[in-house]
Amino acid sequence: MRANPNVELHLNTDEVGDVVVRVTGKAKVSRSEPPANKVPAYVRKYRDQIKGFGWTPQVFAEKYPHPIRVRQLRFH
């Protein structure tokens, strides 16, 4: 991301896969924010997905220690 911060996110579709939302923007790693396991709202929202990987929130935070922020969003 340092060399090319341009990113595109693809959000969940409907059941048929007809509705795809794409978001483009500029990404940056944030080293000033706490890891995911220290943000209660994040843990509440993503606990099941993290558990689905066989991880705890602590393991997730060790594997992905820094949040990525995307700015200058454009929806397609």
C-alpha atoms as a PDB file:
ATOM      1  CA  MET A   1       0.000   0.000   0.000  1.00  0.00           C
ATOM      2  CA  ARG A   2       2.955   2.322   0.435  1.00  0.00           C
ATOM      3  CA  ALA A   3       3.829   2.017  -3.241  1.00  0.00           C
ATOM      4  CA  ASN A   4       0.210   2.057  -4.435  1.00  0.00           C
ATOM      5  CA  PRO A   5      -2.491   2.987  -1.914  1.00  0.00           C
ATOM      6  CA  ASN A   6      -5.337   2.564  -4.436  1.00  0.00           C
ATOM      7  CA  VAL A   7      -7.682  -0.190  -3.285  1.00  0.00           C
ATOM      8  CA  GLU A   8     -11.044  -1.622  -4.238  1.00  0.00           C
ATOM      9  CA  LEU A   9     -13.355  -3.357  -1.802  1.00  0.00           C
ATOM     10  CA  HIS A  10     -16.132  -5.694  -2.883  1.00  0.00           C
ATOM     11  CA  LEU A  11     -19.004  -5.830  -0.415  1.00  0.00           C
ATOM     12  CA  ASN A  12     -21.389  -8.750   0.111  1.00  0.00           C
ATOM     13  CA  THR A  13     -23.946  -9.297  -2.624  1.00  0.00           C
ATOM     14  CA  ASP A  14     -27.505 -10.460  -2.504  1.00  0.00           C
ATOM     15  CA  GLU A  15     -28.274 -14.212  -2.448  1.00  0.00           C
ATOM     16  CA  VAL A  16     -28.223 -14.423  -6.254  1.00  0.00           C
ATOM     17  CA  GLY A  17     -25.062 -12.386  -6.676  1.00  0.00           C
ATOM     18  CA  ASP A  18     -26.749  -9.771  -8.840  1.00  0.00           C
ATOM     19  CA  VAL A  19     -26.106  -6.767  -6.602  1.00  0.00           C
ATOM     20  CA  VAL A  20     -22.403  -6.057  -6.195  1.00  0.00           C
ATOM     21  CA  VAL A  21     -21.171  -2.950  -4.404  1.00  0.00           C
ATOM     22  CA  ARG A  22     -17.627  -1.856  -5.175  1.00  0.00           C
ATOM     23  CA  VAL A  23     -15.845   0.841  -3.214  1.00  0.00           C
ATOM     24  CA  THR A  24     -12.575   2.400  -4.343  1.00  0.00           C
ATOM     25  CA  GLY A  25     -10.326   4.612  -2.292  1.00  0.00           C
ATOM     26  CA  LYS A  26      -6.884   5.252  -0.818  1.00  0.00           C
ATOM     27  CA  ALA A  27      -5.705   2.878   1.907  1.00  0.00           C
ATOM     28  CA  LYS A  28      -3.304   3.538   4.751  1.00  0.00           C
ATOM     29  CA  VAL A  29      -2.149   1.377   7.645  1.00  0.00           C
ATOM     30  CA  SER A  30      -2.933   3.033  10.967  1.00  0.00           C
ATOM     31  CA  ARG A  31      -0.320   2.422  13.640  1.00  0.00           C
ATOM     32  CA  SER A  32      -1.890   4.832  16.138  1.00  0.00           C
ATOM     33  CA  GLU A  33      -5.094   2.880  16.806  1.00  0.00           C
ATOM     34  CA  PRO A  34      -5.545  -0.104  19.127  1.00  0.00           C
ATOM     35  CA  PRO A  35      -5.594  -3.657  17.767  1.00  0.00           C
ATOM     36  CA  ALA A  36      -8.985  -5.172  16.930  1.00  0.00           C
ATOM     37  CA  ASN A  37      -9.196  -7.251  20.109  1.00  0.00           C
ATOM     38  CA  LYS A  38      -9.071  -4.032  22.172  1.00  0.00           C
ATOM     39  CA  VAL A  39     -12.102  -2.524  20.391  1.00  0.00           C
ATOM     40  CA  PRO A  40     -15.239  -4.056  21.973  1.00  0.00           C
ATOM     41  CA  ALA A  41     -17.575  -3.018  19.142  1.00  0.00           C
ATOM     42  CA  TYR A  42     -15.300  -4.685  16.572  1.00  0.00           C
ATOM     43  CA  VAL A  43     -15.090  -7.896  18.593  1.00  0.00           C
ATOM     44  CA  ARG A  44     -18.892  -7.979  19.009  1.00  0.00           C
ATOM     45  CA  LYS A  45     -19.480  -7.455  15.302  1.00  0.00           C
ATOM     46  CA  TYR A  46     -16.897  -9.936  13.981  1.00  0.00           C
ATOM     47  CA  ARG A  47     -16.643 -12.547  16.750  1.00  0.00           C
ATOM     48  CA  ASP A  48     -18.443 -15.248  14.724  1.00  0.00           C
ATOM     49  CA  GLN A  49     -16.309 -14.670  11.622  1.00  0.00           C
ATOM     50  CA  ILE A  50     -13.107 -14.732  13.675  1.00  0.00           C
ATOM     51  CA  LYS A  51     -14.261 -17.916  15.402  1.00  0.00           C
ATOM     52  CA  GLY A  52     -15.068 -19.394  11.970  1.00  0.00           C
ATOM     53  CA  PHE A  53     -11.351 -19.224  11.169  1.00  0.00           C
ATOM     54  CA  GLY A  54     -10.644 -21.131  14.377  1.00  0.00           C
ATOM     55  CA  TRP A  55      -9.135 -18.051  16.016  1.00  0.00           C
ATOM     56  CA  THR A  56      -9.757 -16.005  19.125  1.00  0.00           C
ATOM     57  CA  PRO A  57      -9.872 -12.202  18.916  1.00  0.00           C
ATOM     58  CA  GLN A  58      -6.338 -12.216  20.366  1.00  0.00           C
ATOM     59  CA  VAL A  59      -5.024 -14.487  17.592  1.00  0.00           C
ATOM     60  CA  PHE A  60      -6.767 -12.325  14.975  1.00  0.00           C
ATOM     61  CA  ALA A  61      -5.074  -9.213  16.393  1.00  0.00           C
ATOM     62  CA  GLU A  62      -1.688 -10.955  16.320  1.00  0.00           C
ATOM     63  CA  LYS A  63      -2.136 -11.912  12.663  1.00  0.00           C
ATOM     64  CA  TYR A  64      -3.564  -8.508  11.681  1.00  0.00           C
ATOM     65  CA  PRO A  65      -2.104  -6.052  14.212  1.00  0.00           C
ATOM     66  CA  HIS A  66      -2.897  -2.753  12.472  1.00  0.00           C
ATOM     67  CA  PRO A  67      -6.171  -1.374  11.121  1.00  0.00           C
ATOM     68  CA  ILE A  68      -6.331  -0.282   7.503  1.00  0.00           C
ATOM     69  CA  ARG A  69      -8.248   2.922   6.863  1.00  0.00           C
ATOM     70  CA  VAL A  70      -9.697   3.678   3.440  1.00  0.00           C
ATOM     71  CA  ARG A  71     -10.435   7.304   2.538  1.00  0.00           C
ATOM     72  CA  GLN A  72     -11.589   9.239  -0.513  1.00  0.00           C
ATOM     73  CA  LEU A  73     -14.302   6.657  -1.078  1.00  0.00           C
ATOM     74  CA  ARG A  74     -16.139   6.259  -4.328  1.00  0.00           C
ATOM     75  CA  PHE A  75     -19.044   3.834  -4.619  1.00  0.00           C
ATOM     76  CA  HIS A  76     -19.724   1.980  -7.898  1.00  0.00           C
END
